[in-house]
Protein backbone atom coordinates (compact mmCIF):
# COMPACT_ATOMS: atom_id res chain seq x y z
CA MET A 1 0.00 0.00 0.00
CA SER A 2 1.36 3.42 -0.93
CA PRO A 3 1.90 5.98 1.86
CA VAL A 4 -0.56 8.36 0.18
CA LEU A 5 -3.31 5.75 0.07
CA ALA A 6 -2.60 4.82 3.70
CA GLY A 7 -3.00 8.47 4.71
CA VAL A 8 -6.29 8.79 2.82
CA LEU A 9 -7.65 5.60 4.40
CA GLN A 10 -6.69 6.81 7.88
CA LEU A 11 -8.50 10.09 7.25
CA THR A 12 -11.57 8.25 5.95
CA ALA A 13 -11.68 5.96 8.99
CA LEU A 14 -11.33 8.96 11.29
CA VAL A 15 -14.22 10.83 9.65
CA ALA A 16 -16.40 7.70 9.85
CA ALA A 17 -15.67 7.24 13.57
CA LEU A 18 -16.43 10.88 14.34
CA ALA A 19 -19.68 10.71 12.37
CA LEU A 20 -20.70 7.57 14.25
CA VAL A 21 -20.52 9.16 17.70
CA TYR A 22 -21.47 12.72 16.75
CA ARG A 23 -25.20 12.49 17.41
CA PRO A 24 -25.28 10.31 20.56
CA LEU A 25 -22.46 12.18 22.28
CA GLY A 26 -23.84 15.59 21.35
CA ASP A 27 -27.30 14.66 22.61
CA TYR A 28 -25.84 13.20 25.80
CA MET A 29 -23.91 16.39 26.59
CA ALA A 30 -27.04 18.47 25.97
CA ALA A 31 -28.89 16.28 28.47
CA VAL A 32 -26.02 16.57 30.98
CA TYR A 33 -26.04 20.37 31.01
CA SER A 34 -29.84 20.65 31.19
CA SER A 35 -30.52 17.80 33.64
CA PRO A 36 -32.80 18.65 36.58
CA LYS A 37 -30.95 16.28 38.94
CA HIS A 38 -27.57 16.09 40.65
CA LEU A 39 -25.83 12.75 40.97
CA ARG A 40 -24.94 11.55 44.46
CA ALA A 41 -21.21 11.85 43.71
CA GLU A 42 -21.76 15.41 42.52
CA LYS A 43 -23.56 16.33 45.74
CA VAL A 44 -20.57 15.07 47.71
CA ILE A 45 -18.24 17.26 45.65
CA TYR A 46 -20.47 20.31 46.17
CA ARG A 47 -20.39 19.78 49.93
CA CYS A 48 -16.61 19.39 49.90
CA ILE A 49 -16.03 22.64 48.00
CA GLY A 50 -18.83 24.51 49.74
CA ALA A 51 -20.72 25.33 46.55
CA ASN A 52 -24.46 25.85 46.13
CA ALA A 53 -25.07 24.15 42.79
CA ASP A 54 -28.66 25.41 42.58
CA ALA A 55 -27.80 29.10 42.83
CA ARG A 56 -28.32 30.95 39.57
CA MET A 57 -25.50 33.19 38.36
CA ARG A 58 -25.49 36.24 36.14
CA TRP A 59 -22.41 36.72 34.02
CA PRO A 60 -20.30 38.70 36.55
CA ALA A 61 -20.81 36.00 39.21
CA TYR A 62 -20.12 33.25 36.68
CA LEU A 63 -16.91 35.00 35.61
CA ARG A 64 -15.77 35.53 39.22
CA SER A 65 -16.22 31.82 39.86
CA VAL A 66 -14.19 30.90 36.76
CA LEU A 67 -11.36 33.25 37.70
CA ALA A 68 -11.33 32.29 41.39
CA PHE A 69 -11.23 28.58 40.61
CA SER A 70 -8.47 29.04 38.04
CA ALA A 71 -6.40 31.28 40.32
CA ALA A 72 -6.60 28.64 43.05
CA GLY A 73 -5.48 26.04 40.51
CA VAL A 74 -2.43 28.11 39.53
CA LEU A 75 -1.45 28.58 43.17
CA LEU A 76 -1.87 24.92 44.16
CA LEU A 77 0.00 23.60 41.11
CA TYR A 78 2.79 26.14 41.68
CA LEU A 79 3.17 25.01 45.29
CA LEU A 80 3.21 21.32 44.31
CA GLN A 81 6.14 21.94 42.00
CA ARG A 82 8.03 24.14 44.44
CA LEU A 83 7.64 21.50 47.19
CA GLN A 84 8.35 18.49 44.99
CA GLY A 85 11.82 17.86 46.41
CA GLY A 86 10.41 17.01 49.82
CA MET A 87 7.43 14.94 48.71
CA PRO A 88 7.20 11.14 48.44
CA MET A 89 7.29 9.51 45.01
CA SER A 90 9.29 12.43 43.65
CA LEU A 91 11.74 9.98 41.99
CA GLY A 92 14.57 12.04 43.48
CA PHE A 93 13.76 15.08 41.35
CA ALA A 94 14.46 18.49 42.82
CA SER A 95 11.86 21.21 43.25
CA ILE A 96 11.09 23.24 40.14
CA SER A 97 12.58 26.74 39.84
CA PRO A 98 10.18 29.66 40.48
CA ASP A 99 9.93 30.93 36.90
CA GLN A 100 9.46 27.45 35.44
CA ALA A 101 6.96 26.50 38.15
CA PHE A 102 4.93 29.62 37.32
CA ASN A 103 5.11 28.86 33.60
CA THR A 104 3.95 25.27 34.08
CA ALA A 105 1.18 26.17 36.52
CA ALA A 106 -0.13 28.85 34.17
CA SER A 107 0.19 26.45 31.26
CA PHE A 108 -1.85 23.58 32.68
CA VAL A 109 -4.53 25.73 34.31
CA ALA A 110 -4.97 27.64 31.03
CA ASN A 111 -5.44 24.34 29.14
CA THR A 112 -2.25 25.11 27.19
CA ASN A 113 0.15 22.50 28.56
CA TRP A 114 3.21 24.22 27.16
CA GLN A 115 6.27 22.46 28.58
CA SER A 116 9.69 24.03 28.95
CA TYR A 117 10.96 20.87 30.68
CA SER A 118 11.38 17.16 29.97
CA GLY A 119 8.62 15.38 31.87
CA GLU A 120 10.54 12.21 32.65
CA GLN A 121 13.51 14.23 33.94
CA ALA A 122 11.71 16.83 36.05
CA MET A 123 8.32 15.77 37.43
CA GLY A 124 7.66 13.03 39.99
CA HIS A 125 4.55 10.90 40.24
CA VAL A 126 2.70 13.19 42.68
CA VAL A 127 3.08 16.31 40.53
CA GLN A 128 2.20 14.38 37.37
CA THR A 129 -0.96 12.77 38.74
CA ALA A 130 -2.24 15.02 41.54
CA GLY A 131 -1.20 18.21 39.77
CA LEU A 132 -0.93 18.02 36.00
CA ALA A 133 -3.48 15.26 35.31
CA VAL A 134 -6.09 16.87 37.57
CA GLN A 135 -5.73 20.16 35.72
CA ASN A 136 -6.16 18.29 32.44
CA PHE A 137 -9.67 17.42 33.60
CA VAL A 138 -10.79 20.62 35.27
CA SER A 139 -9.30 23.07 32.76
CA ALA A 140 -11.14 21.25 29.97
CA ALA A 141 -14.36 21.24 32.02
CA THR A 142 -13.95 24.99 32.58
CA GLY A 143 -13.80 25.62 28.84
CA MET A 144 -16.91 23.49 28.32
CA ALA A 145 -18.75 25.40 31.07
CA VAL A 146 -18.01 28.78 29.47
CA ALA A 147 -19.17 27.49 26.08
CA ILE A 148 -22.44 26.23 27.59
CA ALA A 149 -22.93 29.60 29.32
CA LEU A 150 -22.67 31.37 25.94
CA VAL A 151 -25.10 28.91 24.38
CA ARG A 152 -27.57 29.62 27.18
CA GLY A 153 -27.19 33.32 26.41
CA PHE A 154 -28.46 32.64 22.90
CA ALA A 155 -31.15 30.23 24.08
CA LEU A 156 -32.68 32.38 26.82
CA THR A 157 -35.13 35.26 26.50
CA ARG A 158 -36.31 37.92 28.91
CA GLY A 159 -38.69 36.40 31.44
CA ILE A 160 -38.44 32.69 32.17
CA GLY A 161 -36.04 30.90 29.88
CA SER A 162 -36.46 27.43 28.51
CA ALA A 163 -33.01 26.21 29.47
CA ARG A 164 -32.48 24.46 32.78
CA ALA A 165 -29.47 23.96 35.02
CA GLY A 166 -29.51 22.25 38.39
CA GLY A 167 -33.23 21.52 38.31
CA THR A 168 -34.82 25.00 37.98
CA PRO A 169 -35.43 27.17 34.91
CA ILE A 170 -32.82 29.84 34.27
CA ARG A 171 -34.23 33.37 34.26
CA ALA A 172 -33.22 36.00 31.73
CA GLY A 173 -29.72 37.29 32.34
CA GLU A 174 -28.74 34.16 34.30
CA LEU A 175 -26.25 31.76 32.72
CA GLY A 176 -26.60 28.79 35.04
CA ASN A 177 -24.16 27.80 37.76
CA PHE A 178 -20.44 27.48 37.09
CA TRP A 179 -19.84 24.92 39.84
CA ALA A 180 -22.61 22.66 38.56
CA ASP A 181 -21.37 22.98 34.98
CA LEU A 182 -17.77 22.32 36.03
CA VAL A 183 -18.59 19.22 38.08
CA ARG A 184 -21.02 17.78 35.56
CA GLY A 185 -18.60 18.22 32.68
CA THR A 186 -15.93 16.43 34.67
CA VAL A 187 -17.98 13.66 36.30
CA ARG A 188 -20.46 12.86 33.56
CA VAL A 189 -18.52 13.59 30.36
CA LEU A 190 -14.74 13.58 30.75
CA VAL A 191 -14.21 10.89 33.39
CA PRO A 192 -16.33 8.13 31.77
CA ILE A 193 -14.79 8.59 28.34
CA ALA A 194 -11.30 8.86 29.86
CA VAL A 195 -11.72 5.57 31.75
CA ILE A 196 -12.73 3.73 28.58
CA GLY A 197 -9.97 5.39 26.58
CA ALA A 198 -7.30 4.57 29.15
CA VAL A 199 -8.28 0.89 29.06
CA VAL A 200 -7.95 0.94 25.27
CA LEU A 201 -4.49 2.52 25.46
CA VAL A 202 -3.28 0.06 28.11
CA ALA A 203 -4.58 -2.85 26.02
CA CYS A 204 -2.60 -1.50 23.07
CA GLY A 205 0.68 -1.11 24.97
CA ALA A 206 0.68 2.23 26.80
CA ILE A 207 2.09 1.90 30.32
CA GLN A 208 0.22 2.53 33.61
CA ASN A 209 2.26 2.13 36.79
CA PHE A 210 4.16 3.97 39.49
CA SER A 211 7.57 2.43 38.98
CA GLY A 212 10.80 4.23 39.77
CA ILE A 213 13.79 5.01 37.61
CA HIS A 214 15.58 1.99 36.15
CA GLU A 215 18.09 1.08 33.47
CA VAL A 216 16.84 -0.24 30.14
CA GLY A 217 18.89 -1.66 27.29
CA GLN A 218 19.07 -0.02 23.90
CA PHE A 219 18.71 -1.77 20.56
CA MET A 220 22.13 -0.59 19.35
CA GLY A 221 23.84 -1.42 22.64
CA GLY A 222 24.31 0.48 25.87
CA SER A 223 21.55 1.51 28.23
CA GLN A 224 19.65 4.52 29.42
CA GLN A 225 17.58 5.51 32.44
CA THR A 226 13.82 5.69 32.19
CA ASN A 227 10.90 5.82 34.58
CA GLY A 228 7.34 4.61 34.47
CA GLY A 229 4.19 6.40 35.48
CA ALA A 230 0.42 6.61 35.16
CA VAL A 231 0.89 7.34 31.49
CA ALA A 232 -2.22 5.88 29.85
CA SER A 233 -4.63 7.69 32.19
CA GLN A 234 -2.85 10.99 31.64
CA GLU A 235 -2.48 10.43 27.89
CA VAL A 236 -6.18 9.90 27.35
CA ILE A 237 -7.28 13.10 29.12
CA LYS A 238 -4.38 14.93 27.49
CA GLU A 239 -6.04 14.28 24.13
CA LEU A 240 -9.71 14.15 25.16
CA GLY A 241 -9.48 17.47 27.02
CA THR A 242 -7.41 19.05 24.20
CA ASN A 243 -4.60 19.66 26.69
CA GLY A 244 -1.38 18.37 25.12
CA GLY A 245 1.26 18.06 27.84
CA GLY A 246 3.15 14.79 27.56
CA TYR A 247 4.34 12.54 30.36
CA PHE A 248 7.59 12.17 28.38
CA ASN A 249 9.55 14.79 26.50
CA ALA A 250 8.83 13.05 23.19
CA ASN A 251 5.13 13.46 23.91
CA SER A 252 2.88 11.36 21.66
CA ALA A 253 5.89 10.21 19.63
CA HIS A 254 7.00 8.15 22.65
CA PRO A 255 5.99 4.47 22.40
CA PHE A 256 4.90 4.43 26.05
CA GLU A 257 2.33 7.13 25.22
CA ASN A 258 1.44 6.21 21.65
CA PRO A 259 2.50 2.63 20.82
CA ASP A 260 1.35 2.09 17.22
CA ALA A 261 -0.64 3.33 14.23
CA PHE A 262 -3.98 2.31 15.77
CA THR A 263 -3.40 4.25 19.00
CA ASN A 264 -2.23 7.19 16.90
CA LEU A 265 -5.57 7.28 15.07
CA PHE A 266 -7.44 6.68 18.33
CA GLU A 267 -5.71 9.64 19.96
CA ILE A 268 -6.60 11.90 17.01
CA PHE A 269 -10.20 10.73 17.44
CA LEU A 270 -10.08 11.66 21.14
CA ILE A 271 -8.78 15.14 20.28
CA LEU A 272 -11.62 15.88 17.86
CA VAL A 273 -14.61 14.04 19.26
CA ILE A 274 -15.89 16.46 21.94
CA PRO A 275 -15.23 19.73 20.02
CA PHE A 276 -17.14 18.43 16.99
CA ALA A 277 -19.94 16.88 19.08
CA LEU A 278 -20.46 20.13 20.98
CA THR A 279 -21.97 21.62 17.82
CA ARG A 280 -24.78 19.06 18.17
CA THR A 281 -25.11 20.05 21.84
CA PHE A 282 -25.36 23.68 20.76
CA GLY A 283 -28.11 22.89 18.27
CA LYS A 284 -30.10 20.92 20.84
CA LEU A 285 -29.86 23.61 23.52
CA VAL A 286 -30.95 26.44 21.20
CA GLY A 287 -33.78 24.28 19.87
CA ASN A 288 -32.58 24.05 16.27
CA VAL A 289 -30.13 21.27 15.41
CA ARG A 290 -29.67 22.72 11.90
CA GLN A 291 -27.86 25.68 13.50
CA GLY A 292 -25.43 23.18 14.95
CA TYR A 293 -24.97 21.54 11.56
CA ALA A 294 -24.09 24.92 10.02
CA VAL A 295 -21.35 25.49 12.61
CA LEU A 296 -20.19 21.89 12.15
CA ALA A 297 -19.98 22.41 8.39
CA ALA A 298 -17.78 25.49 8.80
CA MET A 299 -15.50 23.63 11.22
CA GLY A 300 -15.37 20.55 8.99
CA VAL A 301 -14.53 22.46 5.81
CA ILE A 302 -11.59 24.19 7.48
CA TRP A 303 -10.33 21.01 9.15
CA LEU A 304 -10.52 18.89 5.99
CA GLY A 305 -9.01 21.67 3.90
CA PHE A 306 -6.05 22.12 6.23
CA THR A 307 -5.54 18.35 6.47
CA ALA A 308 -5.53 17.99 2.68
CA LEU A 309 -3.06 20.86 2.32
CA MET A 310 -0.77 19.37 4.96
CA LEU A 311 -0.81 15.93 3.31
CA TRP A 312 -0.03 17.51 -0.04
CA THR A 313 2.85 19.67 1.23
CA GLU A 314 4.47 16.78 3.10
CA PHE A 315 4.04 14.08 0.42
CA ALA A 316 5.14 16.47 -2.33
CA HIS A 317 8.33 17.55 -0.58
CA GLY A 318 10.67 18.19 -3.49
CA GLY A 319 14.04 16.62 -4.20
CA PRO A 320 15.02 13.13 -5.40
CA ALA A 321 16.90 12.27 -2.20
CA LEU A 322 13.93 13.11 -0.05
CA GLN A 323 11.56 11.25 -2.36
CA ALA A 324 13.79 8.18 -2.25
CA ALA A 325 13.77 8.35 1.54
CA GLY A 326 9.96 8.35 1.60
CA ALA A 327 9.18 12.07 1.30
CA ALA A 328 9.52 14.32 4.37
CA MET A 329 10.18 11.63 6.98
CA GLU A 330 12.84 13.59 8.87
CA GLY A 331 11.52 14.25 12.36
CA LYS A 332 8.64 11.78 12.00
CA GLU A 333 8.07 8.34 13.53
CA THR A 334 8.23 5.38 11.17
CA ARG A 335 5.34 3.87 13.19
CA PHE A 336 3.05 6.63 11.91
CA GLY A 337 4.57 7.76 8.63
CA VAL A 338 3.92 11.00 6.80
CA GLY A 339 0.15 10.50 6.66
CA GLY A 340 -0.41 9.75 10.35
CA SER A 341 1.97 12.54 11.38
CA SER A 342 0.32 15.11 9.10
CA ILE A 343 -3.22 14.31 10.23
CA PHE A 344 -2.12 14.41 13.88
CA SER A 345 -0.33 17.76 13.52
CA VAL A 346 -3.35 19.43 11.89
CA ALA A 347 -5.68 18.04 14.56
CA THR A 348 -3.50 19.40 17.35
CA THR A 349 -2.90 22.85 15.86
CA LEU A 350 -6.54 23.38 14.86
CA THR A 351 -7.48 22.53 18.44
CA SER A 352 -5.91 23.73 21.65
CA THR A 353 -4.23 20.37 22.19
CA GLY A 354 -0.55 20.87 21.50
CA ALA A 355 0.29 17.17 21.63
CA VAL A 356 2.82 16.14 18.98
CA ASN A 357 3.71 12.79 17.44
CA SER A 358 6.40 14.31 15.24
CA PHE A 359 8.86 17.20 15.24
CA HIS A 360 6.86 20.20 13.99
CA SER A 361 9.99 22.15 13.20
CA SER A 362 10.99 19.39 10.75
CA PHE A 363 7.89 19.73 8.61
CA THR A 364 8.30 21.50 5.30
CA ALA A 365 8.32 25.29 5.50
CA PHE A 366 4.79 25.45 4.14
CA GLY A 367 3.74 22.62 6.46
CA GLY A 368 4.98 24.66 9.42
CA GLY A 369 3.05 27.60 8.02
CA ILE A 370 -0.14 25.51 7.99
CA GLN A 371 0.43 24.61 11.64
CA LEU A 372 0.93 28.27 12.52
CA LEU A 373 -2.11 29.39 10.54
CA GLY A 374 -4.26 26.73 12.20
CA MET A 375 -3.48 28.22 15.60
CA MET A 376 -3.86 31.77 14.32
CA LEU A 377 -7.42 31.05 13.21
CA GLY A 378 -8.18 30.92 16.92
CA GLU A 379 -8.21 27.12 17.05
CA ILE A 380 -11.90 26.95 16.18
CA ALA A 381 -11.98 24.14 13.61
CA PRO A 382 -13.07 22.37 15.72
CA GLY A 383 -10.97 24.06 18.40
CA GLY A 384 -10.44 23.19 22.02
CA VAL A 385 -12.98 21.52 24.28
CA GLY A 386 -15.46 24.34 24.83
CA SER A 387 -13.17 27.10 23.59
CA GLY A 388 -13.60 25.97 19.99
CA LEU A 389 -17.39 26.31 20.17
CA TYR A 390 -17.46 29.69 21.89
CA GLY A 391 -14.74 30.98 19.55
CA MET A 392 -16.75 29.86 16.52
CA LEU A 393 -19.94 31.44 17.88
CA VAL A 394 -18.14 34.75 18.36
CA MET A 395 -16.98 34.53 14.73
CA ALA A 396 -20.60 33.80 13.76
CA VAL A 397 -21.59 37.06 15.47
CA ILE A 398 -18.96 38.88 13.39
CA ALA A 399 -20.19 37.14 10.22
CA VAL A 400 -23.84 38.16 10.71
CA PHE A 401 -22.70 41.70 11.49
CA ILE A 402 -20.82 41.82 8.17
CA ALA A 403 -23.86 40.38 6.39
CA GLY A 404 -26.05 43.04 7.99
CA LEU A 405 -23.72 45.78 6.77
CA MET A 406 -23.89 44.43 3.22
CA VAL A 407 -27.71 44.49 3.07
CA GLY A 408 -28.33 47.48 5.33
CA ARG A 409 -30.19 45.54 8.01
CA THR A 410 -29.70 45.23 11.76
CA PRO A 411 -27.84 41.92 12.19
CA GLU A 412 -29.52 39.10 14.11
CA TYR A 413 -28.30 35.68 15.20
CA LEU A 414 -30.52 33.01 16.73
CA GLY A 415 -33.24 35.55 17.39
CA LYS A 416 -30.95 38.03 19.15
CA LYS A 417 -30.00 41.43 17.79
CA ILE A 418 -26.29 42.07 17.37
CA GLY A 419 -26.01 45.65 18.52
CA THR A 420 -23.18 47.98 19.45
CA ARG A 421 -22.43 46.28 22.76
CA GLU A 422 -22.37 42.79 21.27
CA ILE A 423 -20.11 43.69 18.36
CA LYS A 424 -17.69 45.56 20.63
CA LEU A 425 -17.38 42.52 22.87
CA ALA A 426 -16.86 40.25 19.84
CA ALA A 427 -14.23 42.62 18.44
CA CYS A 428 -12.37 42.70 21.75
CA PHE A 429 -12.43 38.89 21.79
CA ILE A 430 -10.74 38.57 18.40
CA LEU A 431 -8.15 41.29 19.15
CA VAL A 432 -6.77 39.80 22.37
CA THR A 433 -4.74 36.96 20.87
CA PRO A 434 -3.11 38.87 17.96
CA THR A 435 -2.08 41.62 20.37
CA LEU A 436 -0.36 39.11 22.65
CA VAL A 437 1.24 37.10 19.84
CA LEU A 438 2.58 39.98 17.77
CA GLY A 439 3.52 42.14 20.76
CA PHE A 440 5.57 39.49 22.56
CA THR A 441 7.13 38.28 19.30
CA ALA A 442 8.23 41.80 18.39
CA ALA A 443 9.72 42.34 21.85
CA SER A 444 11.61 39.03 21.65
CA MET A 445 13.12 39.94 18.29
CA VAL A 446 14.77 43.09 19.64
CA LEU A 447 16.06 41.81 22.98
CA PRO A 448 19.55 40.23 22.83
CA ASP A 449 18.83 37.68 25.58
CA ALA A 450 15.65 36.53 23.84
CA LEU A 451 17.44 36.25 20.48
CA GLY A 452 20.17 34.23 22.16
CA SER A 453 17.65 31.43 22.82
CA MET A 454 17.62 30.53 19.13
CA LEU A 455 19.88 27.48 18.92
CA ASN A 456 20.25 27.28 15.14
CA THR A 457 21.19 30.83 14.22
CA LYS A 458 23.87 29.61 11.82
CA ALA A 459 21.64 27.11 10.04
CA LEU A 460 20.40 27.60 6.50
CA GLY A 461 17.40 29.87 6.55
CA ALA A 462 17.89 30.57 10.24
CA GLY A 463 16.65 34.13 9.84
CA SER A 464 13.16 33.20 8.71
CA HIS A 465 13.07 29.87 10.55
CA GLY A 466 14.35 31.44 13.77
CA PHE A 467 11.62 34.06 13.52
CA SER A 468 9.08 31.26 12.96
CA GLU A 469 10.29 29.55 16.14
CA VAL A 470 9.58 32.65 18.25
CA LEU A 471 6.32 33.40 16.44
CA TYR A 472 5.22 29.80 16.92
CA ALA A 473 6.03 29.89 20.64
CA PHE A 474 3.84 32.91 21.37
CA THR A 475 1.12 31.82 18.94
CA SER A 476 1.01 28.48 20.73
CA GLY A 477 0.99 30.09 24.17
CA ALA A 478 -1.58 32.82 23.54
CA ASN A 479 -3.93 30.40 21.74
CA ASN A 480 -3.60 27.84 24.56
CA ASN A 481 -2.13 25.23 22.22
CA GLY A 482 1.16 24.18 23.82
CA SER A 483 3.09 22.66 20.92
CA ALA A 484 6.42 24.15 19.85
CA PHE A 485 8.97 24.38 17.09
CA GLY A 486 12.31 22.92 18.10
CA GLY A 487 15.45 25.01 18.14
CA LEU A 488 14.25 27.58 20.67
CA ASN A 489 15.45 27.36 24.27
CA SER A 490 12.31 28.55 26.01
CA ASN A 491 13.47 27.57 29.51
CA THR A 492 14.77 31.04 30.33
CA PRO A 493 13.33 33.68 32.68
CA TRP A 494 12.20 35.80 29.70
CA TYR A 495 10.33 33.08 27.85
CA ASN A 496 9.01 31.34 30.96
CA THR A 497 7.53 34.62 32.18
CA THR A 498 6.25 36.09 28.92
CA ILE A 499 4.81 32.84 27.58
CA GLY A 500 3.22 32.25 31.00
CA LEU A 501 1.57 35.68 30.81
CA ALA A 502 0.49 35.04 27.22
CA MET A 503 -1.12 31.76 28.26
CA LEU A 504 -3.06 33.29 31.17
CA LEU A 505 -4.17 36.41 29.30
CA GLY A 506 -4.91 34.43 26.14
CA ARG A 507 -7.14 32.07 28.09
CA PHE A 508 -9.01 34.28 30.53
CA LEU A 509 -9.35 37.67 28.81
CA PRO A 510 -11.40 36.11 25.98
CA MET A 511 -13.55 34.39 28.61
CA VAL A 512 -14.36 37.81 30.08
CA PHE A 513 -15.70 39.01 26.74
CA VAL A 514 -17.50 35.72 26.03
CA LEU A 515 -19.37 35.75 29.33
CA ALA A 516 -20.17 39.46 29.01
CA LEU A 517 -21.55 38.72 25.53
CA ALA A 518 -23.58 35.81 26.93
CA GLY A 519 -25.04 38.05 29.63
CA SER A 520 -25.96 40.74 27.10
CA LEU A 521 -27.67 38.24 24.82
CA ALA A 522 -29.54 36.60 27.70
CA GLU A 523 -31.16 39.94 28.60
CA GLN A 524 -32.71 40.42 25.15
CA ARG A 525 -36.21 39.69 23.98
CA PRO A 526 -36.39 37.41 20.93
CA VAL A 527 -36.59 39.05 17.52
CA PRO A 528 -39.30 37.55 15.28
CA VAL A 529 -38.14 35.91 12.07
CA THR A 530 -39.07 37.87 8.95
CA ALA A 531 -38.48 37.57 5.23
CA GLY A 532 -35.33 39.67 5.65
CA THR A 533 -33.79 37.54 8.41
CA LEU A 534 -30.49 35.91 7.47
CA ARG A 535 -30.98 32.14 7.52
CA THR A 536 -27.98 31.11 9.58
CA GLU A 537 -28.70 27.39 9.28
CA LYS A 538 -28.13 27.44 5.50
CA PRO A 539 -24.94 26.50 3.57
CA LEU A 540 -24.65 30.13 2.44
CA PHE A 541 -24.06 31.25 6.02
CA ALA A 542 -21.58 28.43 6.65
CA GLY A 543 -19.61 29.66 3.62
CA LEU A 544 -19.80 33.25 4.85
CA LEU A 545 -18.53 32.11 8.25
CA VAL A 546 -15.55 30.30 6.73
CA GLY A 547 -14.72 33.31 4.56
CA THR A 548 -14.94 35.69 7.52
CA ILE A 549 -12.57 33.55 9.57
CA LEU A 550 -9.99 33.25 6.80
CA ILE A 551 -10.10 36.94 5.84
CA ILE A 552 -9.81 38.25 9.41
CA THR A 553 -6.90 35.89 10.16
CA GLY A 554 -5.15 36.67 6.87
CA LEU A 555 -5.38 40.43 7.37
CA THR A 556 -4.09 40.11 10.92
CA TYR A 557 -1.19 37.70 10.51
CA PHE A 558 -0.08 37.75 6.86
CA PRO A 559 2.90 40.11 7.42
CA ALA A 560 4.23 37.88 10.20
CA LEU A 561 3.70 34.72 8.14
CA ALA A 562 5.45 36.37 5.20
CA LEU A 563 8.56 36.98 7.33
CA GLY A 564 8.56 33.40 8.63
CA PRO A 565 7.32 30.24 6.88
CA LEU A 566 6.48 31.90 3.54
CA ALA A 567 9.95 33.47 3.25
CA GLU A 568 11.59 30.17 4.19
CA GLY A 569 9.46 28.16 1.77
CA LEU A 570 10.18 30.47 -1.15
CA SER A 571 13.90 30.76 -0.45
């Protein structure tokens, strides 16, 4: 079988698997977030954290809960790392330095999972399981909760709304209860799927233990030190929660995390399944599943288009030597090949996952550009767990506003008018990430210490490729992705601090605008549908949405892309 055909078959199998679970999972999540009952285990959790899960929250209270919970997560994870040296099961590893501990705490709480350390050489079992793995669950559940809050903003009207949360109807202006949404997303959605997924990974060869450091033989002779860990359980939520931080430095290229071609495809499935299925949840909660299909279509077109482009750029890598070696295999695992590596890289950069099964810096120049552009879109195709849906809905607001300008009509979306307040909040949302990415990149390119972190300054094309490394780092951080180009030493005070700030601001500032938008929409009375209303469930709107996303991203980032991957690819 040719490598190209193998890649196409893998993509076909992936689409079929996603289609198979799309409806049942989407319907199940809609039922979870509108259920009138609390499970017994959930009631225990509420008592332990002192939360009233039946209290209704308007958007300021919902936002305060999100920020308070996340701030506590940053502090606790920071302290775990700083105290690691004196804890049991630390494997003899020392405590993490202050700047790196801050960077890692910010990274995992922000659902970024950027790592400026080698996991198997820095983190003991307690930090990995009680710290990092826990944040993989709750940071993903936080993103889902914010997305559901925005959906309720569209679904509710002034007076008594139709949506429910915690057993009672939500009144206009109320977005539900953050603590109920957080716990339900974790207990009813993430944990059950993660348990099943972990069993699959263990059955296929991923490790799950708490062994210490020991010597292992190498195939070519000699030996090296390695340690075990609860890898399968952390790997599955790493992908399912679109987190990305690996137990080992090689991440999903390591055979203990990703043993073979089947697990590789299974992990891609885990990355995409909840973000795509949330569009069905959205349609069910707003009472029109065709609206969800329109958003799904926009996400699917972008994802399939980027995947096709990546496969083409990697399989068509020019040069007879490279073709004889099997195209662009440098930096890729022979277990996965070009096809499996390309599909994986697009899935991780179009979501906020950041897991890697290959060396992104070794992709072709245009392939690296596709990875960068995928993150620059805002990671909305299908995006992160929760963040992809609310990012796409904000872009839908922008799209209907543009459509309204073209026909001279007040824009409406899902029966809500898009007025001055709504469009300002949407504009602020889309401006946050470019400001962080381009601002920090520009600062890094003029500071000698920051420039000194480029390790390949004498390599061919180092000017454009070195710039791409820095641009990729801040794009990954601000978009809560977490993957990286190689060749940049990011474990310095400058990069640990600035990328940490980019991750926190890039995660929580957009949430401020999303929840404010949700609150504004929830206060409105419904607008009756007329002959002039834009039909947002039609293919025409899905095409307009895709065009809006591509044009806004292109106008924002094209100069930076031209200095980096485009210049390198054309040189």
